[in-house]
Amino acid sequence: MDLGADEWTTFRKVTLPLIFPGILAAALLAFSISIDDFVITQFTAGQTVTFPLWVYGASRIGVPPEVNVMGSIIFGIAIVGIILWSVIQARAGRTTTLSR
């Protein structure tokens, strides 16, 4: 803001890139813990049927194909995210090397 930028531009160009890795890591950690922690979900869900409770209830009869589909979707999103992040890092490294 010392150089004349307004608050939104300062946040978008300076603050957000600095805090984005932390926000992304927290979101991924919260997502993985929410899927992994079945016991806490079972005790605290009340009448709400969450995804882990649905999988548990459905697997008592037999594993439905939807469970495999959801697992494949989660795995695919993770792979696409890893590939995308690798490409972004490779491009950032290449532009840093070229600018020196």
PDB file of N, CA and C in Angstrom:
ATOM      1  N   MET A   1       0.822  -1.171   0.000  1.00  0.00           N
ATOM      2  CA  MET A   1       0.000   0.000   0.000  1.00  0.00           C
ATOM      3  C   MET A   1       0.882   1.256   0.000  1.00  0.00           C
ATOM      4  N   ASP A   2       2.154   1.096   0.315  1.00  0.00           N
ATOM      5  CA  ASP A   2       3.063   2.239   0.284  1.00  0.00           C
ATOM      6  C   ASP A   2       3.208   2.812  -1.116  1.00  0.00           C
ATOM      7  N   LEU A   3       3.031   1.974  -2.139  1.00  0.00           N
ATOM      8  CA  LEU A   3       3.251   2.400  -3.515  1.00  0.00           C
ATOM      9  C   LEU A   3       1.967   2.799  -4.229  1.00  0.00           C
ATOM     10  N   GLY A   4       0.857   2.950  -3.504  1.00  0.00           N
ATOM     11  CA  GLY A   4      -0.364   3.459  -4.104  1.00  0.00           C
ATOM     12  C   GLY A   4      -1.432   2.436  -4.394  1.00  0.00           C
ATOM     13  N   ALA A   5      -1.259   1.193  -4.009  1.00  0.00           N
ATOM     14  CA  ALA A   5      -2.290   0.187  -4.266  1.00  0.00           C
ATOM     15  C   ALA A   5      -3.402   0.301  -3.228  1.00  0.00           C
ATOM     16  N   ASP A   6      -4.619  -0.025  -3.644  1.00  0.00           N
ATOM     17  CA  ASP A   6      -5.722  -0.007  -2.686  1.00  0.00           C
ATOM     18  C   ASP A   6      -5.719  -1.304  -1.871  1.00  0.00           C
ATOM     19  N   GLU A   7      -6.673  -1.423  -0.944  1.00  0.00           N
ATOM     20  CA  GLU A   7      -6.697  -2.565  -0.034  1.00  0.00           C
ATOM     21  C   GLU A   7      -6.921  -3.882  -0.771  1.00  0.00           C
ATOM     22  N   TRP A   8      -7.845  -3.901  -1.733  1.00  0.00           N
ATOM     23  CA  TRP A   8      -8.157  -5.141  -2.444  1.00  0.00           C
ATOM     24  C   TRP A   8      -6.970  -5.626  -3.263  1.00  0.00           C
ATOM     25  N   THR A   9      -6.293  -4.714  -3.953  1.00  0.00           N
ATOM     26  CA  THR A   9      -5.137  -5.093  -4.758  1.00  0.00           C
ATOM     27  C   THR A   9      -4.006  -5.600  -3.870  1.00  0.00           C
ATOM     28  N   THR A  10      -3.802  -4.955  -2.742  1.00  0.00           N
ATOM     29  CA  THR A  10      -2.769  -5.406  -1.806  1.00  0.00           C
ATOM     30  C   THR A  10      -3.080  -6.806  -1.288  1.00  0.00           C
ATOM     31  N   PHE A  11      -4.329  -7.043  -0.940  1.00  0.00           N
ATOM     32  CA  PHE A  11      -4.705  -8.370  -0.462  1.00  0.00           C
ATOM     33  C   PHE A  11      -4.532  -9.416  -1.560  1.00  0.00           C
ATOM     34  N   ARG A  12      -4.993  -9.102  -2.768  1.00  0.00           N
ATOM     35  CA  ARG A  12      -4.975 -10.067  -3.869  1.00  0.00           C
ATOM     36  C   ARG A  12      -3.568 -10.370  -4.354  1.00  0.00           C
ATOM     37  N   LYS A  13      -2.693  -9.391  -4.397  1.00  0.00           N
ATOM     38  CA  LYS A  13      -1.368  -9.594  -4.975  1.00  0.00           C
ATOM     39  C   LYS A  13      -0.271  -9.895  -3.956  1.00  0.00           C
ATOM     40  N   VAL A  14      -0.511  -9.569  -2.692  1.00  0.00           N
ATOM     41  CA  VAL A  14       0.539  -9.786  -1.687  1.00  0.00           C
ATOM     42  C   VAL A  14       0.093 -10.783  -0.614  1.00  0.00           C
ATOM     43  N   THR A  15      -0.987 -10.451   0.060  1.00  0.00           N
ATOM     44  CA  THR A  15      -1.386 -11.244   1.216  1.00  0.00           C
ATOM     45  C   THR A  15      -1.888 -12.633   0.826  1.00  0.00           C
ATOM     46  N   LEU A  16      -2.786 -12.711  -0.162  1.00  0.00           N
ATOM     47  CA  LEU A  16      -3.361 -13.999  -0.550  1.00  0.00           C
ATOM     48  C   LEU A  16      -2.314 -15.001  -1.038  1.00  0.00           C
ATOM     49  N   PRO A  17      -1.359 -14.617  -1.896  1.00  0.00           N
ATOM     50  CA  PRO A  17      -0.335 -15.607  -2.272  1.00  0.00           C
ATOM     51  C   PRO A  17       0.513 -16.085  -1.094  1.00  0.00           C
ATOM     52  N   LEU A  18       0.673 -15.247  -0.087  1.00  0.00           N
ATOM     53  CA  LEU A  18       1.455 -15.666   1.077  1.00  0.00           C
ATOM     54  C   LEU A  18       0.691 -16.637   1.972  1.00  0.00           C
ATOM     55  N   ILE A  19      -0.621 -16.436   2.112  1.00  0.00           N
ATOM     56  CA  ILE A  19      -1.389 -17.291   3.013  1.00  0.00           C
ATOM     57  C   ILE A  19      -2.063 -18.461   2.307  1.00  0.00           C
ATOM     58  N   PHE A  20      -2.060 -18.495   0.974  1.00  0.00           N
ATOM     59  CA  PHE A  20      -2.760 -19.546   0.244  1.00  0.00           C
ATOM     60  C   PHE A  20      -2.237 -20.955   0.550  1.00  0.00           C
ATOM     61  N   PRO A  21      -0.929 -21.199   0.636  1.00  0.00           N
ATOM     62  CA  PRO A  21      -0.494 -22.565   0.982  1.00  0.00           C
ATOM     63  C   PRO A  21      -1.023 -23.032   2.334  1.00  0.00           C
ATOM     64  N   GLY A  22      -1.097 -22.148   3.302  1.00  0.00           N
ATOM     65  CA  GLY A  22      -1.636 -22.517   4.607  1.00  0.00           C
ATOM     66  C   GLY A  22      -3.119 -22.819   4.558  1.00  0.00           C
ATOM     67  N   ILE A  23      -3.862 -22.010   3.798  1.00  0.00           N
ATOM     68  CA  ILE A  23      -5.290 -22.242   3.649  1.00  0.00           C
ATOM     69  C   ILE A  23      -5.549 -23.568   2.936  1.00  0.00           C
ATOM     70  N   LEU A  24      -4.801 -23.828   1.876  1.00  0.00           N
ATOM     71  CA  LEU A  24      -4.958 -25.075   1.131  1.00  0.00           C
ATOM     72  C   LEU A  24      -4.602 -26.288   1.991  1.00  0.00           C
ATOM     73  N   ALA A  25      -3.517 -26.195   2.736  1.00  0.00           N
ATOM     74  CA  ALA A  25      -3.116 -27.304   3.603  1.00  0.00           C
ATOM     75  C   ALA A  25      -4.165 -27.560   4.679  1.00  0.00           C
ATOM     76  N   ALA A  26      -4.721 -26.505   5.261  1.00  0.00           N
ATOM     77  CA  ALA A  26      -5.751 -26.671   6.283  1.00  0.00           C
ATOM     78  C   ALA A  26      -7.013 -27.297   5.704  1.00  0.00           C
ATOM     79  N   ALA A  27      -7.393 -26.898   4.495  1.00  0.00           N
ATOM     80  CA  ALA A  27      -8.580 -27.470   3.863  1.00  0.00           C
ATOM     81  C   ALA A  27      -8.388 -28.951   3.559  1.00  0.00           C
ATOM     82  N   LEU A  28      -7.222 -29.313   3.035  1.00  0.00           N
ATOM     83  CA  LEU A  28      -6.949 -30.719   2.740  1.00  0.00           C
ATOM     84  C   LEU A  28      -6.877 -31.555   4.012  1.00  0.00           C
ATOM     85  N   LEU A  29      -6.284 -31.009   5.054  1.00  0.00           N
ATOM     86  CA  LEU A  29      -6.207 -31.731   6.320  1.00  0.00           C
ATOM     87  C   LEU A  29      -7.594 -31.922   6.926  1.00  0.00           C
ATOM     88  N   ALA A  30      -8.411 -30.886   6.896  1.00  0.00           N
ATOM     89  CA  ALA A  30      -9.770 -30.997   7.431  1.00  0.00           C
ATOM     90  C   ALA A  30     -10.584 -32.012   6.632  1.00  0.00           C
ATOM     91  N   PHE A  31     -10.416 -32.018   5.304  1.00  0.00           N
ATOM     92  CA  PHE A  31     -11.139 -32.973   4.473  1.00  0.00           C
ATOM     93  C   PHE A  31     -10.716 -34.401   4.780  1.00  0.00           C
ATOM     94  N   SER A  32      -9.413 -34.644   4.869  1.00  0.00           N
ATOM     95  CA  SER A  32      -8.945 -36.009   5.126  1.00  0.00           C
ATOM     96  C   SER A  32      -9.309 -36.485   6.523  1.00  0.00           C
ATOM     97  N   ILE A  33      -9.280 -35.607   7.496  1.00  0.00           N
ATOM     98  CA  ILE A  33      -9.660 -35.998   8.854  1.00  0.00           C
ATOM     99  C   ILE A  33     -11.159 -36.274   8.927  1.00  0.00           C
ATOM    100  N   SER A  34     -11.957 -35.487   8.196  1.00  0.00           N
ATOM    101  CA  SER A  34     -13.402 -35.698   8.253  1.00  0.00           C
ATOM    102  C   SER A  34     -13.795 -37.045   7.643  1.00  0.00           C
ATOM    103  N   ILE A  35     -13.095 -37.495   6.627  1.00  0.00           N
ATOM    104  CA  ILE A  35     -13.396 -38.804   6.045  1.00  0.00           C
ATOM    105  C   ILE A  35     -12.833 -39.913   6.927  1.00  0.00           C
ATOM    106  N   ASP A  36     -11.658 -39.691   7.500  1.00  0.00           N
ATOM    107  CA  ASP A  36     -10.970 -40.728   8.250  1.00  0.00           C
ATOM    108  C   ASP A  36     -11.579 -40.977   9.624  1.00  0.00           C
ATOM    109  N   ASP A  37     -12.103 -39.960  10.248  1.00  0.00           N
ATOM    110  CA  ASP A  37     -12.496 -40.074  11.642  1.00  0.00           C
ATOM    111  C   ASP A  37     -13.946 -40.527  11.788  1.00  0.00           C
ATOM    112  N   PHE A  38     -14.178 -41.789  11.544  1.00  0.00           N
ATOM    113  CA  PHE A  38     -15.534 -42.341  11.572  1.00  0.00           C
ATOM    114  C   PHE A  38     -16.120 -42.366  12.973  1.00  0.00           C
ATOM    115  N   VAL A  39     -15.310 -42.666  13.960  1.00  0.00           N
ATOM    116  CA  VAL A  39     -15.824 -42.828  15.321  1.00  0.00           C
ATOM    117  C   VAL A  39     -16.411 -41.519  15.846  1.00  0.00           C
ATOM    118  N   ILE A  40     -15.692 -40.429  15.670  1.00  0.00           N
ATOM    119  CA  ILE A  40     -16.207 -39.138  16.132  1.00  0.00           C
ATOM    120  C   ILE A  40     -17.457 -38.768  15.352  1.00  0.00           C
ATOM    121  N   THR A  41     -17.465 -39.060  14.056  1.00  0.00           N
ATOM    122  CA  THR A  41     -18.650 -38.773  13.243  1.00  0.00           C
ATOM    123  C   THR A  41     -19.845 -39.567  13.743  1.00  0.00           C
ATOM    124  N   GLN A  42     -19.628 -40.805  14.099  1.00  0.00           N
ATOM    125  CA  GLN A  42     -20.731 -41.642  14.568  1.00  0.00           C
ATOM    126  C   GLN A  42     -21.313 -41.114  15.877  1.00  0.00           C
ATOM    127  N   PHE A  43     -20.468 -40.628  16.763  1.00  0.00           N
ATOM    128  CA  PHE A  43     -20.949 -40.146  18.056  1.00  0.00           C
ATOM    129  C   PHE A  43     -21.569 -38.758  17.983  1.00  0.00           C
ATOM    130  N   THR A  44     -21.135 -37.927  17.066  1.00  0.00           N
ATOM    131  CA  THR A  44     -21.581 -36.529  17.058  1.00  0.00           C
ATOM    132  C   THR A  44     -22.539 -36.165  15.932  1.00  0.00           C
ATOM    133  N   ALA A  45     -22.865 -37.069  15.023  1.00  0.00           N
ATOM    134  CA  ALA A  45     -23.688 -36.719  13.870  1.00  0.00           C
ATOM    135  C   ALA A  45     -25.149 -36.499  14.223  1.00  0.00           C
ATOM    136  N   GLY A  46     -25.657 -37.139  15.240  1.00  0.00           N
ATOM    137  CA  GLY A  46     -27.071 -37.005  15.565  1.00  0.00           C
ATOM    138  C   GLY A  46     -27.920 -37.720  14.528  1.00  0.00           C
ATOM    139  N   GLN A  47     -28.934 -37.047  13.996  1.00  0.00           N
ATOM    140  CA  GLN A  47     -29.818 -37.636  13.001  1.00  0.00           C
ATOM    141  C   GLN A  47     -29.299 -37.447  11.575  1.00  0.00           C
ATOM    142  N   THR A  48     -28.253 -36.676  11.411  1.00  0.00           N
ATOM    143  CA  THR A  48     -27.694 -36.410  10.090  1.00  0.00           C
ATOM    144  C   THR A  48     -26.914 -37.614   9.598  1.00  0.00           C
ATOM    145  N   VAL A  49     -27.137 -37.997   8.354  1.00  0.00           N
ATOM    146  CA  VAL A  49     -26.386 -39.108   7.765  1.00  0.00           C
ATOM    147  C   VAL A  49     -25.273 -38.509   6.919  1.00  0.00           C
ATOM    148  N   THR A  50     -24.062 -38.578   7.432  1.00  0.00           N
ATOM    149  CA  THR A  50     -22.901 -38.070   6.704  1.00  0.00           C
ATOM    150  C   THR A  50     -22.349 -39.173   5.802  1.00  0.00           C
ATOM    151  N   PHE A  51     -21.389 -38.811   4.963  1.00  0.00           N
ATOM    152  CA  PHE A  51     -20.834 -39.800   4.031  1.00  0.00           C
ATOM    153  C   PHE A  51     -20.197 -40.993   4.744  1.00  0.00           C
ATOM    154  N   PRO A  52     -19.362 -40.800   5.774  1.00  0.00           N
ATOM    155  CA  PRO A  52     -18.806 -41.978   6.460  1.00  0.00           C
ATOM    156  C   PRO A  52     -19.886 -42.872   7.079  1.00  0.00           C
ATOM    157  N   LEU A  53     -20.940 -42.263   7.613  1.00  0.00           N
ATOM    158  CA  LEU A  53     -22.017 -43.077   8.193  1.00  0.00           C
ATOM    159  C   LEU A  53     -22.786 -43.821   7.106  1.00  0.00           C
ATOM    160  N   TRP A  54     -22.969 -43.193   5.956  1.00  0.00           N
ATOM    161  CA  TRP A  54     -23.654 -43.864   4.851  1.00  0.00           C
ATOM    162  C   TRP A  54     -22.841 -45.059   4.354  1.00  0.00           C
ATOM    163  N   VAL A  55     -21.516 -44.864   4.236  1.00  0.00           N
ATOM    164  CA  VAL A  55     -20.650 -45.959   3.783  1.00  0.00           C
ATOM    165  C   VAL A  55     -20.699 -47.106   4.785  1.00  0.00           C
ATOM    166  N   TYR A  56     -20.649 -46.786   6.064  1.00  0.00           N
ATOM    167  CA  TYR A  56     -20.699 -47.829   7.091  1.00  0.00           C
ATOM    168  C   TYR A  56     -22.028 -48.578   7.031  1.00  0.00           C
ATOM    169  N   GLY A  57     -23.129 -47.848   6.937  1.00  0.00           N
ATOM    170  CA  GLY A  57     -24.434 -48.491   6.884  1.00  0.00           C
ATOM    171  C   GLY A  57     -24.615 -49.326   5.625  1.00  0.00           C
ATOM    172  N   ALA A  58     -24.123 -48.825   4.503  1.00  0.00           N
ATOM    173  CA  ALA A  58     -24.264 -49.561   3.245  1.00  0.00           C
ATOM    174  C   ALA A  58     -23.353 -50.778   3.205  1.00  0.00           C
ATOM    175  N   SER A  59     -22.207 -50.720   3.840  1.00  0.00           N
ATOM    176  CA  SER A  59     -21.266 -51.836   3.778  1.00  0.00           C
ATOM    177  C   SER A  59     -21.675 -52.985   4.699  1.00  0.00           C
ATOM    178  N   ARG A  60     -22.602 -52.754   5.585  1.00  0.00           N
ATOM    179  CA  ARG A  60     -23.081 -53.847   6.432  1.00  0.00           C
ATOM    180  C   ARG A  60     -23.843 -54.871   5.610  1.00  0.00           C
ATOM    181  N   ILE A  61     -24.501 -54.426   4.556  1.00  0.00           N
ATOM    182  CA  ILE A  61     -25.244 -55.329   3.671  1.00  0.00           C
ATOM    183  C   ILE A  61     -24.320 -55.857   2.584  1.00  0.00           C
ATOM    184  N   GLY A  62     -23.528 -54.998   2.030  1.00  0.00           N
ATOM    185  CA  GLY A  62     -22.602 -55.307   0.946  1.00  0.00           C
ATOM    186  C   GLY A  62     -22.095 -53.983   0.411  1.00  0.00           C
ATOM    187  N   VAL A  63     -20.903 -53.968  -0.104  1.00  0.00           N
ATOM    188  CA  VAL A  63     -20.324 -52.700  -0.558  1.00  0.00           C
ATOM    189  C   VAL A  63     -21.014 -52.283  -1.856  1.00  0.00           C
ATOM    190  N   PRO A  64     -21.715 -51.147  -1.816  1.00  0.00           N
ATOM    191  CA  PRO A  64     -22.381 -50.684  -3.035  1.00  0.00           C
ATOM    192  C   PRO A  64     -21.373 -50.071  -4.009  1.00  0.00           C
ATOM    193  N   PRO A  65     -21.697 -50.023  -5.284  1.00  0.00           N
ATOM    194  CA  PRO A  65     -20.771 -49.455  -6.266  1.00  0.00           C
ATOM    195  C   PRO A  65     -20.506 -47.973  -6.046  1.00  0.00           C
ATOM    196  N   GLU A  66     -21.420 -47.271  -5.364  1.00  0.00           N
ATOM    197  CA  GLU A  66     -21.218 -45.842  -5.118  1.00  0.00           C
ATOM    198  C   GLU A  66     -19.984 -45.577  -4.273  1.00  0.00           C
ATOM    199  N   VAL A  67     -19.675 -46.491  -3.355  1.00  0.00           N
ATOM    200  CA  VAL A  67     -18.484 -46.331  -2.513  1.00  0.00           C
ATOM    201  C   VAL A  67     -17.226 -46.369  -3.378  1.00  0.00           C
ATOM    202  N   ASN A  68     -17.183 -47.294  -4.325  1.00  0.00           N
ATOM    203  CA  ASN A  68     -16.032 -47.370  -5.222  1.00  0.00           C
ATOM    204  C   ASN A  68     -15.945 -46.139  -6.117  1.00  0.00           C
ATOM    205  N   VAL A  69     -17.095 -45.632  -6.548  1.00  0.00           N
ATOM    206  CA  VAL A  69     -17.110 -44.429  -7.381  1.00  0.00           C
ATOM    207  C   VAL A  69     -16.576 -43.231  -6.593  1.00  0.00           C
ATOM    208  N   MET A  70     -17.042 -43.068  -5.356  1.00  0.00           N
ATOM    209  CA  MET A  70     -16.568 -41.946  -4.544  1.00  0.00           C
ATOM    210  C   MET A  70     -15.068 -42.073  -4.254  1.00  0.00           C
ATOM    211  N   GLY A  71     -14.611 -43.274  -3.985  1.00  0.00           N
ATOM    212  CA  GLY A  71     -13.173 -43.476  -3.774  1.00  0.00           C
ATOM    213  C   GLY A  71     -12.370 -43.140  -5.014  1.00  0.00           C
ATOM    214  N   SER A  72     -12.878 -43.525  -6.180  1.00  0.00           N
ATOM    215  CA  SER A  72     -12.192 -43.208  -7.435  1.00  0.00           C
ATOM    216  C   SER A  72     -12.189 -41.717  -7.709  1.00  0.00           C
ATOM    217  N   ILE A  73     -13.291 -41.049  -7.403  1.00  0.00           N
ATOM    218  CA  ILE A  73     -13.351 -39.595  -7.601  1.00  0.00           C
ATOM    219  C   ILE A  73     -12.360 -38.886  -6.692  1.00  0.00           C
ATOM    220  N   ILE A  74     -12.313 -39.273  -5.434  1.00  0.00           N
ATOM    221  CA  ILE A  74     -11.374 -38.650  -4.496  1.00  0.00           C
ATOM    222  C   ILE A  74      -9.933 -38.909  -4.937  1.00  0.00           C
ATOM    223  N   PHE A  75      -9.639 -40.132  -5.364  1.00  0.00           N
ATOM    224  CA  PHE A  75      -8.303 -40.459  -5.844  1.00  0.00           C
ATOM    225  C   PHE A  75      -7.965 -39.654  -7.097  1.00  0.00           C
ATOM    226  N   GLY A  76      -8.913 -39.538  -8.029  1.00  0.00           N
ATOM    227  CA  GLY A  76      -8.683 -38.774  -9.253  1.00  0.00           C
ATOM    228  C   GLY A  76      -8.438 -37.302  -8.984  1.00  0.00           C
ATOM    229  N   ILE A  77      -9.202 -36.724  -8.061  1.00  0.00           N
ATOM    230  CA  ILE A  77      -8.996 -35.317  -7.702  1.00  0.00           C
ATOM    231  C   ILE A  77      -7.610 -35.123  -7.103  1.00  0.00           C
ATOM    232  N   ALA A  78      -7.184 -36.059  -6.272  1.00  0.00           N
ATOM    233  CA  ALA A  78      -5.851 -35.956  -5.675  1.00  0.00           C
ATOM    234  C   ALA A  78      -4.762 -36.042  -6.741  1.00  0.00           C
ATOM    235  N   ILE A  79      -4.897 -36.952  -7.680  1.00  0.00           N
ATOM    236  CA  ILE A  79      -3.889 -37.092  -8.745  1.00  0.00           C
ATOM    237  C   ILE A  79      -3.850 -35.845  -9.625  1.00  0.00           C
ATOM    238  N   VAL A  80      -5.030 -35.327  -9.999  1.00  0.00           N
ATOM    239  CA  VAL A  80      -5.077 -34.109 -10.823  1.00  0.00           C
ATOM    240  C   VAL A  80      -4.452 -32.935 -10.069  1.00  0.00           C
ATOM    241  N   GLY A  81      -4.728 -32.841  -8.781  1.00  0.00           N
ATOM    242  CA  GLY A  81      -4.133 -31.772  -7.977  1.00  0.00           C
ATOM    243  C   GLY A  81      -2.615 -31.872  -7.903  1.00  0.00           C
ATOM    244  N   ILE A  82      -2.107 -33.077  -7.745  1.00  0.00           N
ATOM    245  CA  ILE A  82      -0.654 -33.277  -7.685  1.00  0.00           C
ATOM    246  C   ILE A  82      -0.003 -32.926  -9.020  1.00  0.00           C
ATOM    247  N   ILE A  83      -0.613 -33.365 -10.112  1.00  0.00           N
ATOM    248  CA  ILE A  83      -0.058 -33.054 -11.435  1.00  0.00           C
ATOM    249  C   ILE A  83      -0.112 -31.559 -11.699  1.00  0.00           C
ATOM    250  N   LEU A  84      -1.234 -30.930 -11.369  1.00  0.00           N
ATOM    251  CA  LEU A  84      -1.365 -29.480 -11.563  1.00  0.00           C
ATOM    252  C   LEU A  84      -0.330 -28.720 -10.742  1.00  0.00           C
ATOM    253  N   TRP A  85      -0.154 -29.116  -9.502  1.00  0.00           N
ATOM    254  CA  TRP A  85       0.832 -28.444  -8.649  1.00  0.00           C
ATOM    255  C   TRP A  85       2.255 -28.651  -9.190  1.00  0.00           C
ATOM    256  N   SER A  86       2.560 -29.824  -9.711  1.00  0.00           N
ATOM    257  CA  SER A  86       3.881 -30.082 -10.290  1.00  0.00           C
ATOM    258  C   SER A  86       4.122 -29.206 -11.510  1.00  0.00           C
ATOM    259  N   VAL A  87       3.107 -29.049 -12.344  1.00  0.00           N
ATOM    260  CA  VAL A  87       3.240 -28.196 -13.527  1.00  0.00           C
ATOM    261  C   VAL A  87       3.443 -26.745 -13.119  1.00  0.00           C
ATOM    262  N   ILE A  88       2.686 -26.282 -12.146  1.00  0.00           N
ATOM    263  CA  ILE A  88       2.833 -24.894 -11.669  1.00  0.00           C
ATOM    264  C   ILE A  88       4.224 -24.673 -11.100  1.00  0.00           C
ATOM    265  N   GLN A  89       4.720 -25.614 -10.313  1.00  0.00           N
ATOM    266  CA  GLN A  89       6.051 -25.475  -9.738  1.00  0.00           C
ATOM    267  C   GLN A  89       7.133 -25.522 -10.807  1.00  0.00           C
ATOM    268  N   ALA A  90       6.959 -26.365 -11.820  1.00  0.00           N
ATOM    269  CA  ALA A  90       7.942 -26.437 -12.903  1.00  0.00           C
ATOM    270  C   ALA A  90       7.987 -25.134 -13.683  1.00  0.00           C
ATOM    271  N   ARG A  91       6.822 -24.555 -13.945  1.00  0.00           N
ATOM    272  CA  ARG A  91       6.777 -23.275 -14.652  1.00  0.00           C
ATOM    273  C   ARG A  91       7.370 -22.154 -13.818  1.00  0.00           C
ATOM    274  N   ALA A  92       7.105 -22.168 -12.518  1.00  0.00           N
ATOM    275  CA  ALA A  92       7.663 -21.137 -11.642  1.00  0.00           C
ATOM    276  C   ALA A  92       9.179 -21.256 -11.575  1.00  0.00           C
ATOM    277  N   GLY A  93       9.689 -22.483 -11.537  1.00  0.00           N
ATOM    278  CA  GLY A  93      11.135 -22.687 -11.515  1.00  0.00           C
ATOM    279  C   GLY A  93      11.785 -22.277 -12.817  1.00  0.00           C
ATOM    280  N   ARG A  94      11.104 -22.530 -13.930  1.00  0.00           N
ATOM    281  CA  ARG A  94      11.643 -22.178 -15.242  1.00  0.00           C
ATOM    282  C   ARG A  94      11.673 -20.665 -15.428  1.00  0.00           C
ATOM    283  N   THR A  95      10.628 -19.950 -14.973  1.00  0.00           N
ATOM    284  CA  THR A  95      10.616 -18.491 -15.129  1.00  0.00           C
ATOM    285  C   THR A  95      11.624 -17.844 -14.183  1.00  0.00           C
ATOM    286  N   THR A  96      11.830 -18.431 -13.023  1.00  0.00           N
ATOM    287  CA  THR A  96      12.842 -17.900 -12.091  1.00  0.00           C
ATOM    288  C   THR A  96      14.240 -18.073 -12.690  1.00  0.00           C
ATOM    289  N   THR A  97      14.487 -19.216 -13.308  1.00  0.00           N
ATOM    290  CA  THR A  97      15.782 -19.483 -13.908  1.00  0.00           C
ATOM    291  C   THR A  97      16.031 -18.558 -15.103  1.00  0.00           C
ATOM    292  N   LEU A  98      15.008 -18.310 -15.895  1.00  0.00           N
ATOM    293  CA  LEU A  98      15.167 -17.464 -17.073  1.00  0.00           C
ATOM    294  C   LEU A  98      15.355 -16.003 -16.711  1.00  0.00           C
ATOM    295  N   SER A  99      14.807 -15.550 -15.600  1.00  0.00           N
ATOM    296  CA  SER A  99      14.895 -14.142 -15.245  1.00  0.00           C
ATOM    297  C   SER A  99      16.227 -13.779 -14.599  1.00  0.00           C
ATOM    298  N   ARG A 100      17.020 -14.753 -14.222  1.00  0.00           N
ATOM    299  CA  ARG A 100      18.298 -14.448 -13.564  1.00  0.00           C
ATOM    300  C   ARG A 100      19.318 -14.064 -14.535  1.00  0.00           C
TER     301      ARG A 100
END
